[in-house]
Amino acid sequence: MEMMYQYLWRTGALGRDFDLTDGSRIHVANPGRQNFDAGPDFADARVAMGGTVWAGNVEIHVRASDWFLHRHHTDRAYDSVILHVVADADTQVCRADGSPIPTLEFPVPVEASSLYARLTAGKTDIKCAATLDRIPSLLREDWLESLAVERMQAKARRVLDENANLAGDWEQTCFVMLARSLGFGLNGTPFEMLARSLPLRFLLRHSDNLFQLEAMMFGQAGLLDPSQRIFDEYYQLLCREYFFLCRKYSLRPMQASVWKFARTRPQNFPHRRIALLAKAVEGGFSLAGDVLGNAGGCDGLRKLFDWQPEGFWANHYSFDSVEPRPVGAMGQASVDSLIINFAVPVMYAYASLSGNMRLAEDAMAILEELPPEKNRYVRNWQTLGLKADNALRSQALVQLHKEYCDAARCLDCRFANRMISTVAREAAASYGRVDPEAVFD
């Protein structure tokens, strides 16, 4: 039932303008991005309430009291919720500071829930699954090629927007984008927040001291608390060092609650990735020039991210865990993910800004050299006969799944357009109105 409400909210099926339970009006400018991991159901939503546009998280429940049933009142990650969407507003929900969370109540008609049940009765959320094999191979290849370029352009726009906000500073831009990529999706936003809160010029003053870099980054991440019962000498030294550095640079740490650990393997813990980010800055940070000047293709880029953990992090995944065997560097799949989501978009963005078409072609060629990604999107398409033999193809399949199937943009998809035109042609042919062998553009 809750999944149906999440679907209705995501697609805007019930409209954009509502009355809240307190009688005020709300306009939903953007329902946000659905979160399939721990934390609120939707992130980065934008709603207009009381003449003010609010940006933040949205939580969906069947009953408002489910807030307490799911123990959200004990989780500080839910203090960022700006709107509670429910079918039954059976209670008022407040944040930890006592401020009420605006509540939107809308019961769904039985007809709508029945239709939803029929649409979701299959084993896949790809609505064209049953007829996908009727799409000509030429059209498949053409659409997937366009989707790969579309995805790369979207990533490049994000890089260029960041670069514009940073007054054209490409090294700082690369630092922010690298940090986000080290979050590997789940912790991408917290990593980006961390990088934004730490100007690279501050870090470069301490680039010859890895311990100070780690202190600044772990402290800014909100992961250093002297009151915690962690008696390791390294941890306590980090706390003292950050106490000094945060006052020197007037830093304000993040809330530790923004980091996500649920369903995360130890090697992907934020602690480990933050330690690698510190290694990236050690000895200076020239990743923009290194990426743009790369002459070694995939192998050359892989060497740029060959950061080896040392010291405390040679046998730890977090502050309170010790591994019996040395903890190695990132695996090749993780390194390739950095190339796909960081290095190639930076190359493509710079090429777009400078008009260097050769660089843009080189960026796309690197994706063709890399093996395909392994994720639920690619696996879904593979079961339907759309396979990926390189990263360029897997990026196209991710774009199709996330930006068309998940976003309910079937009518914008060339596959659906072809199916609709095919059905129309066959229906017309059955009445003798057209030649069934005719070619339709």
Foldseek 3Di string as FASTA:
>chain_A
DQVLVLLCLLQVVVHAWAAWPVGWIKGWPHSADADPADAAGGAQTWMDTPNDIDTTGEHEDQEPCVCVVVPVQVALSCLRHQEYEYQHDPDWDDHVVRHTRTYTHHHDDPVSVVVVCVQPVDPDLFSCLVPLVVDDPVVVVVLLLVLLVVLLVVLLVVLVVLCVVVVNPNLLSLLLQLQLLLLVPQCSVLSSVLSVQDRLVLLLVCLQPLLLQLLCSCVQQVNQDPVDPQPDPSNVVSNVSNVVVCVVVVGDHDHNSSADDPPHDLCSHPSNSSSLSSQCCRPHHDVLCQLLVDPPQPVSQLVSSQRFDDDPQQAGSDSPDGHPHGDGGDDPLSSVSCLVRRSLSSQLSVCVVVVPVVSPVSSLVSQQVAADHDDPQQVSVVVSPQHDGTNSSNSSSVSCCVVDSSNVNLVVRPSSVVVVVLVVLVVCVVVVNDDSPDDDD
